[in-house]
Amino acid sequence: FMPIVVESTPLADFENWSSLIPS
């Protein structure tokens, strides 16, 4: 599963996506 990366803020999107998944 790959999160939708926003061109303007890829890092911010990744952090948000990572927060949704409990590790």
C-alpha atoms as a PDB file:
ATOM      1  CA  PHE A   1       0.000   0.000   0.000  1.00  0.00           C
ATOM      2  CA  MET A   2       1.400   3.361  -1.040  1.00  0.00           C
ATOM      3  CA  PRO A   3       0.096   6.634   0.371  1.00  0.00           C
ATOM      4  CA  ILE A   4      -0.736   9.514  -1.945  1.00  0.00           C
ATOM      5  CA  VAL A   5       2.272  11.809  -1.787  1.00  0.00           C
ATOM      6  CA  VAL A   6       1.536  15.481  -2.207  1.00  0.00           C
ATOM      7  CA  GLU A   7       3.977  17.241  -4.513  1.00  0.00           C
ATOM      8  CA  SER A   8       4.201  20.232  -2.201  1.00  0.00           C
ATOM      9  CA  THR A   9       4.664  18.333   1.055  1.00  0.00           C
ATOM     10  CA  PRO A  10       5.753  14.699   0.613  1.00  0.00           C
ATOM     11  CA  LEU A  11       7.356  14.523   4.048  1.00  0.00           C
ATOM     12  CA  ALA A  12       4.294  15.886   5.797  1.00  0.00           C
ATOM     13  CA  ASP A  13       2.096  13.373   3.990  1.00  0.00           C
ATOM     14  CA  PHE A  14       4.410  10.536   4.954  1.00  0.00           C
ATOM     15  CA  GLU A  15       4.323  11.559   8.614  1.00  0.00           C
ATOM     16  CA  ASN A  16       0.530  11.669   8.538  1.00  0.00           C
ATOM     17  CA  TRP A  17       0.366   8.291   6.783  1.00  0.00           C
ATOM     18  CA  SER A  18       2.791   6.788   9.272  1.00  0.00           C
ATOM     19  CA  SER A  19       0.720   8.091  12.185  1.00  0.00           C
ATOM     20  CA  LEU A  20      -2.327   6.235  10.858  1.00  0.00           C
ATOM     21  CA  ILE A  21      -0.431   2.956  11.028  1.00  0.00           C
ATOM     22  CA  PRO A  22       0.440   1.756  14.539  1.00  0.00           C
ATOM     23  CA  SER A  23       3.943   0.339  14.562  1.00  0.00           C
END
